[in-house]
Amino acid sequence: MQWEYFSHDLDLGGAFVFTGAFSQNELTRILNHYGEQQWELVSTFTTHNHGGSSHIGLVFKRPKPPAVAAPPVASR
C-alpha cells in the first residue's frame, strides 16, 4: 500500500490561553477536521525558540488513491 502524507504547523502563540495551557478544544477541532478527510495522525514534533516550544508539527497519513490510468489512444 502506498501512503500520502500531510503536515500541519500549529503556532502555539495562537493556541495558548493566558494560563499557558494548550487549548485542547482547538487541538481536538484540528484533529477532527483532518480525520473527517481520512487523515490519520502518525507523529508530532515541536520546534523550539529560546528554549521553549513555539510550534507543534502534526504529521498525518492516508492511503494514496490508486493512479488513474490514461485511456488508451485509439489507433487508425
C-alpha atoms as a PDB file:
ATOM      1  CA  MET A   1       0.000   0.000   0.000  1.00  0.00           C
ATOM      2  CA  GLN A   2       1.246   3.470  -0.808  1.00  0.00           C
ATOM      3  CA  TRP A   3       0.681   6.423   1.501  1.00  0.00           C
ATOM      4  CA  GLU A   4       0.393  10.147   1.072  1.00  0.00           C
ATOM      5  CA  TYR A   5       1.470  12.457   3.870  1.00  0.00           C
ATOM      6  CA  PHE A   6       0.422  15.871   5.083  1.00  0.00           C
ATOM      7  CA  SER A   7       1.809  18.109   7.812  1.00  0.00           C
ATOM      8  CA  HIS A   8       0.110  20.872   9.754  1.00  0.00           C
ATOM      9  CA  ASP A   9       2.075  23.508  11.672  1.00  0.00           C
ATOM     10  CA  LEU A  10       0.349  24.610  14.857  1.00  0.00           C
ATOM     11  CA  ASP A  11       1.580  28.012  16.075  1.00  0.00           C
ATOM     12  CA  LEU A  12       1.480  27.903  19.854  1.00  0.00           C
ATOM     13  CA  GLY A  13       1.287  31.677  20.059  1.00  0.00           C
ATOM     14  CA  GLY A  14      -2.314  31.446  18.904  1.00  0.00           C
ATOM     15  CA  ALA A  15      -3.168  28.194  20.673  1.00  0.00           C
ATOM     16  CA  PHE A  16      -2.061  29.066  24.210  1.00  0.00           C
ATOM     17  CA  VAL A  17      -4.514  30.653  26.588  1.00  0.00           C
ATOM     18  CA  PHE A  18      -3.457  33.192  29.219  1.00  0.00           C
ATOM     19  CA  THR A  19      -2.697  30.454  31.756  1.00  0.00           C
ATOM     20  CA  GLY A  20      -0.075  28.966  29.415  1.00  0.00           C
ATOM     21  CA  ALA A  21      -2.090  25.755  28.989  1.00  0.00           C
ATOM     22  CA  PHE A  22      -2.594  24.391  25.496  1.00  0.00           C
ATOM     23  CA  SER A  23      -6.127  24.671  24.128  1.00  0.00           C
ATOM     24  CA  GLN A  24      -7.343  21.073  23.977  1.00  0.00           C
ATOM     25  CA  ASN A  25     -10.531  22.208  22.225  1.00  0.00           C
ATOM     26  CA  GLU A  26      -8.518  23.742  19.383  1.00  0.00           C
ATOM     27  CA  LEU A  27      -6.368  20.616  19.010  1.00  0.00           C
ATOM     28  CA  THR A  28      -9.480  18.401  19.011  1.00  0.00           C
ATOM     29  CA  ARG A  29     -11.065  20.602  16.342  1.00  0.00           C
ATOM     30  CA  ILE A  30      -7.973  20.285  14.131  1.00  0.00           C
ATOM     31  CA  LEU A  31      -7.712  16.508  14.594  1.00  0.00           C
ATOM     32  CA  ASN A  32     -11.413  16.016  13.832  1.00  0.00           C
ATOM     33  CA  HIS A  33     -11.150  18.243  10.761  1.00  0.00           C
ATOM     34  CA  TYR A  34      -8.389  16.121   9.223  1.00  0.00           C
ATOM     35  CA  GLY A  35      -9.916  12.861  10.463  1.00  0.00           C
ATOM     36  CA  GLU A  36     -13.084  13.639   8.514  1.00  0.00           C
ATOM     37  CA  GLN A  37     -10.865  13.768   5.407  1.00  0.00           C
ATOM     38  CA  GLN A  38      -9.471  10.302   6.256  1.00  0.00           C
ATOM     39  CA  TRP A  39      -6.103  11.629   7.520  1.00  0.00           C
ATOM     40  CA  GLU A  40      -4.617   9.670  10.436  1.00  0.00           C
ATOM     41  CA  LEU A  41      -2.254  11.389  12.897  1.00  0.00           C
ATOM     42  CA  VAL A  42       1.010   9.428  12.927  1.00  0.00           C
ATOM     43  CA  SER A  43       3.545  11.752  14.549  1.00  0.00           C
ATOM     44  CA  THR A  44       4.075  15.064  16.294  1.00  0.00           C
ATOM     45  CA  PHE A  45       7.160  17.186  16.853  1.00  0.00           C
ATOM     46  CA  THR A  46       7.984  20.537  18.393  1.00  0.00           C
ATOM     47  CA  THR A  47      10.286  23.327  17.328  1.00  0.00           C
ATOM     48  CA  HIS A  48      11.997  25.424  19.969  1.00  0.00           C
ATOM     49  CA  ASN A  49      12.698  29.106  20.174  1.00  0.00           C
ATOM     50  CA  HIS A  50      14.933  30.303  23.002  1.00  0.00           C
ATOM     51  CA  GLY A  51      14.396  27.107  24.994  1.00  0.00           C
ATOM     52  CA  GLY A  52      10.591  26.971  24.739  1.00  0.00           C
ATOM     53  CA  SER A  53       8.260  25.341  22.265  1.00  0.00           C
ATOM     54  CA  SER A  54       6.899  27.710  19.684  1.00  0.00           C
ATOM     55  CA  HIS A  55       5.307  25.337  17.165  1.00  0.00           C
ATOM     56  CA  ILE A  56       3.914  21.814  17.086  1.00  0.00           C
ATOM     57  CA  GLY A  57       4.101  19.892  13.840  1.00  0.00           C
ATOM     58  CA  LEU A  58       1.367  17.337  13.222  1.00  0.00           C
ATOM     59  CA  VAL A  59       2.078  14.639  10.624  1.00  0.00           C
ATOM     60  CA  PHE A  60      -0.824  12.765   9.029  1.00  0.00           C
ATOM     61  CA  LYS A  61      -1.062   9.944   6.511  1.00  0.00           C
ATOM     62  CA  ARG A  62      -3.780   8.247   4.496  1.00  0.00           C
ATOM     63  CA  PRO A  63      -3.812   5.607   1.768  1.00  0.00           C
ATOM     64  CA  LYS A  64      -2.818   7.063  -1.558  1.00  0.00           C
ATOM     65  CA  PRO A  65      -5.620   6.816  -4.106  1.00  0.00           C
ATOM     66  CA  PRO A  66      -4.848   4.476  -6.990  1.00  0.00           C
ATOM     67  CA  ALA A  67      -3.395   6.167 -10.038  1.00  0.00           C
ATOM     68  CA  VAL A  68      -5.913   6.637 -12.778  1.00  0.00           C
ATOM     69  CA  ALA A  69      -4.588   5.139 -15.977  1.00  0.00           C
ATOM     70  CA  ALA A  70      -4.835   7.271 -19.078  1.00  0.00           C
ATOM     71  CA  PRO A  71      -7.346   5.929 -21.589  1.00  0.00           C
ATOM     72  CA  PRO A  72      -5.743   4.044 -24.456  1.00  0.00           C
ATOM     73  CA  VAL A  73      -5.050   6.010 -27.593  1.00  0.00           C
ATOM     74  CA  ALA A  74      -7.239   4.944 -30.497  1.00  0.00           C
ATOM     75  CA  SER A  75      -5.287   3.513 -33.411  1.00  0.00           C
ATOM     76  CA  ARG A  76      -6.179   4.166 -37.035  1.00  0.00           C
END
